[in-house]
Amino acid sequence: MTVTSVTPEIPRDRFGRPQIVLPDGKRAYYSRCTTLVGAYEDTYNLEAWKMRQAAIGLSLRPDLQVAVHAHKDDKKRLNDICQEALDAAASSAAATTGTALHALTEQIDRGHTIDGLPADVEADLAAYKQATANLEPVLIEQMMVFDDWKVAGTPDRVVRYEGKFYIADLKTGNVEY
């Protein structure tokens, strides 16, 4: 089965909450699923990784080391310097790759052919195809709501497996729980 539907842009407020049209025609902003889950998620390891990345970036950029000394009483400038250090450590490289792989898997699940990719990406996509061979994508990036909790979100996939429907969440890199 090829899934070809395209999800329209959902209006959101300044906090990123999706605007939902209620049965009576009124509009309400629902909490995002990631916000709800984030309340229960332990972010210690992520924050520790980020601090390590900032340290690596500072070690690579003597100009940033000097800037820290020059602006140690300026929180905004220190925040900017830390961001520059994260950039120097290529901290977002894995996220950029993950986002690209996510988009490529969506194209695969929609039945498109993708050519001309680097060998390592081809290998990742071949592994994806093998791992999901028994899953039938039914919905891709489709907004869903749970009115009882006033929560809305967009799962990566809704798939059919052995006659039952499941929400499938795509992950790249290391996943630790």
Protein backbone atom coordinates (compact mmCIF):
# COMPACT_ATOMS: atom_id res chain seq x y z
CA MET A 1 0.00 0.00 0.00
CA THR A 2 1.30 3.46 -0.89
CA VAL A 3 0.26 6.30 1.39
CA THR A 4 -0.05 9.48 -0.64
CA SER A 5 -2.07 11.85 1.57
CA VAL A 6 -0.46 15.11 2.63
CA THR A 7 -1.17 16.60 6.03
CA PRO A 8 -2.16 20.28 5.93
CA GLU A 9 -0.35 22.79 8.13
CA ILE A 10 -2.03 22.98 11.53
CA PRO A 11 -2.38 26.49 12.98
CA ARG A 12 -0.42 26.85 16.21
CA ASP A 13 -0.09 29.43 18.94
CA ARG A 14 3.17 31.05 20.03
CA PHE A 15 3.90 28.04 22.27
CA GLY A 16 3.54 25.58 19.38
CA ARG A 17 0.23 24.20 20.64
CA PRO A 18 -2.04 23.03 17.81
CA GLN A 19 -5.35 24.77 17.25
CA ILE A 20 -8.19 22.26 17.26
CA VAL A 21 -11.65 22.91 15.85
CA LEU A 22 -14.16 21.46 18.34
CA PRO A 23 -17.45 19.80 17.30
CA ASP A 24 -19.35 23.00 18.17
CA GLY A 25 -17.13 25.00 15.79
CA LYS A 26 -15.21 26.75 18.55
CA ARG A 27 -11.42 26.63 18.52
CA ALA A 28 -9.13 25.56 21.33
CA TYR A 29 -5.39 25.09 21.73
CA TYR A 30 -4.48 21.61 22.94
CA SER A 31 -1.25 20.63 24.67
CA ARG A 32 1.33 18.92 22.51
CA CYS A 33 2.00 15.23 23.20
CA THR A 34 5.70 15.98 23.49
CA THR A 35 4.93 18.52 26.23
CA LEU A 36 2.92 15.94 28.15
CA VAL A 37 5.62 13.29 27.76
CA GLY A 38 8.35 15.82 28.55
CA ALA A 39 6.87 16.31 32.00
CA TYR A 40 7.75 12.67 32.75
CA GLU A 41 11.03 12.47 30.87
CA ASP A 42 14.37 12.53 32.64
CA THR A 43 16.58 15.00 30.77
CA TYR A 44 19.67 14.59 32.97
CA ASN A 45 21.66 12.60 30.39
CA LEU A 46 20.76 15.01 27.60
CA GLU A 47 21.84 18.02 29.65
CA ALA A 48 25.09 16.29 30.67
CA TRP A 49 25.80 15.49 26.99
CA LYS A 50 25.15 19.11 26.06
CA MET A 51 27.60 20.35 28.71
CA ARG A 52 30.24 17.92 27.43
CA GLN A 53 29.67 19.17 23.88
CA ALA A 54 30.07 22.78 25.02
CA ALA A 55 33.36 21.85 26.71
CA ILE A 56 34.59 20.17 23.51
CA GLY A 57 33.59 23.21 21.45
CA LEU A 58 35.39 25.57 23.83
CA SER A 59 38.52 23.44 23.62
CA LEU A 60 38.45 23.80 19.81
CA ARG A 61 37.97 27.56 19.78
CA PRO A 62 40.50 29.71 21.70
CA ASP A 63 38.53 32.81 20.64
CA LEU A 64 35.55 31.51 22.61
CA GLN A 65 37.74 30.85 25.64
CA VAL A 66 38.81 34.49 25.61
CA ALA A 67 35.21 35.60 25.05
CA VAL A 68 34.12 33.70 28.18
CA HIS A 69 36.67 35.63 30.25
CA ALA A 70 35.62 38.93 28.69
CA HIS A 71 31.86 38.42 29.17
CA LYS A 72 31.54 36.29 32.32
CA ASP A 73 29.04 38.73 33.83
CA ASP A 74 26.84 38.92 30.71
CA LYS A 75 24.40 35.97 30.73
CA LYS A 76 23.08 36.67 27.25
CA ARG A 77 26.54 36.83 25.70
CA LEU A 78 27.61 33.70 27.62
CA ASN A 79 24.57 31.90 26.24
CA ASP A 80 25.59 32.96 22.74
CA ILE A 81 29.17 31.79 23.36
CA CYS A 82 27.90 28.41 24.60
CA GLN A 83 25.80 28.08 21.45
CA GLU A 84 28.88 28.87 19.34
CA ALA A 85 30.80 26.21 21.29
CA LEU A 86 28.04 23.67 20.61
CA ASP A 87 28.22 24.59 16.93
CA ALA A 88 32.01 24.18 16.95
CA ALA A 89 31.57 20.67 18.39
CA ALA A 90 29.10 19.87 15.57
CA SER A 91 26.51 19.09 18.22
CA SER A 92 23.62 19.36 15.80
CA ALA A 93 25.19 17.11 13.14
CA ALA A 94 23.47 13.96 14.41
CA ALA A 95 20.14 15.78 14.67
CA THR A 96 20.51 17.10 11.11
CA THR A 97 21.24 13.58 9.86
CA GLY A 98 18.37 12.15 11.89
CA THR A 99 15.93 14.70 10.46
CA ALA A 100 17.11 13.91 6.94
CA LEU A 101 16.76 10.14 7.50
CA HIS A 102 13.29 10.73 8.91
CA ALA A 103 12.29 12.61 5.74
CA LEU A 104 13.81 9.91 3.54
CA THR A 105 11.90 7.14 5.34
CA GLU A 106 8.72 9.13 4.80
CA GLN A 107 9.45 9.22 1.07
CA ILE A 108 10.05 5.46 1.10
CA ASP A 109 6.78 4.83 2.94
CA ARG A 110 4.97 6.96 0.37
CA GLY A 111 6.34 4.72 -2.37
CA HIS A 112 8.96 7.06 -3.81
CA THR A 113 12.31 5.92 -5.16
CA ILE A 114 15.42 7.67 -3.86
CA ASP A 115 18.66 7.57 -5.84
CA GLY A 116 22.18 8.94 -5.50
CA LEU A 117 22.61 8.75 -1.73
CA PRO A 118 25.94 8.04 0.01
CA ALA A 119 26.56 4.34 0.72
CA ASP A 120 26.13 4.70 4.50
CA VAL A 121 22.72 6.34 4.04
CA GLU A 122 21.72 3.63 1.54
CA ALA A 123 22.67 1.06 4.21
CA ASP A 124 20.57 2.86 6.84
CA LEU A 125 17.56 2.97 4.51
CA ALA A 126 18.00 -0.70 3.58
CA ALA A 127 17.99 -1.53 7.31
CA TYR A 128 14.83 0.57 7.73
CA LYS A 129 13.10 -1.29 4.89
CA GLN A 130 14.09 -4.62 6.40
CA ALA A 131 12.99 -3.65 9.93
CA THR A 132 9.62 -2.35 8.74
CA ALA A 133 8.91 -4.97 6.06
CA ASN A 134 5.99 -6.43 8.07
CA LEU A 135 4.51 -3.04 8.92
CA GLU A 136 1.95 -1.45 6.62
CA PRO A 137 2.02 2.36 6.90
CA VAL A 138 -1.56 3.60 7.18
CA LEU A 139 -0.98 7.21 8.26
CA ILE A 140 2.20 9.27 7.99
CA GLU A 141 2.68 12.42 10.07
CA GLN A 142 -1.08 12.74 10.62
CA MET A 143 -2.33 15.04 13.40
CA MET A 144 -4.37 13.18 16.02
CA VAL A 145 -6.23 14.45 19.07
CA PHE A 146 -7.31 12.99 22.39
CA ASP A 147 -10.14 15.24 23.52
CA ASP A 148 -10.43 13.73 27.02
CA TRP A 149 -6.98 15.08 27.90
CA LYS A 150 -6.99 18.02 25.46
CA VAL A 151 -3.79 16.69 23.89
CA ALA A 152 -2.84 16.60 20.21
CA GLY A 153 0.17 15.35 18.35
CA THR A 154 1.56 13.95 15.17
CA PRO A 155 2.90 10.41 15.38
CA ASP A 156 5.55 9.48 12.85
CA ARG A 157 3.43 6.60 11.59
CA VAL A 158 0.31 4.65 12.28
CA VAL A 159 0.98 1.15 11.00
CA ARG A 160 -0.96 -2.06 10.60
CA TYR A 161 0.76 -5.16 11.93
CA GLU A 162 -0.93 -8.54 12.03
CA GLY A 163 -4.32 -6.89 11.62
CA LYS A 164 -3.91 -4.41 14.49
CA PHE A 165 -3.01 -0.72 14.42
CA TYR A 166 -0.01 0.70 16.25
CA ILE A 167 1.72 4.04 16.59
CA ALA A 168 5.29 3.76 15.31
CA ASP A 169 7.90 6.28 16.44
CA LEU A 170 11.05 6.52 14.33
CA LYS A 171 14.38 6.96 16.11
CA THR A 172 17.94 7.32 14.87
CA GLY A 173 21.08 7.11 16.95
CA ASN A 174 21.17 5.75 20.48
CA VAL A 175 17.95 5.36 22.38
CA GLU A 176 18.22 4.94 26.14
CA TYR A 177 15.33 4.62 28.57
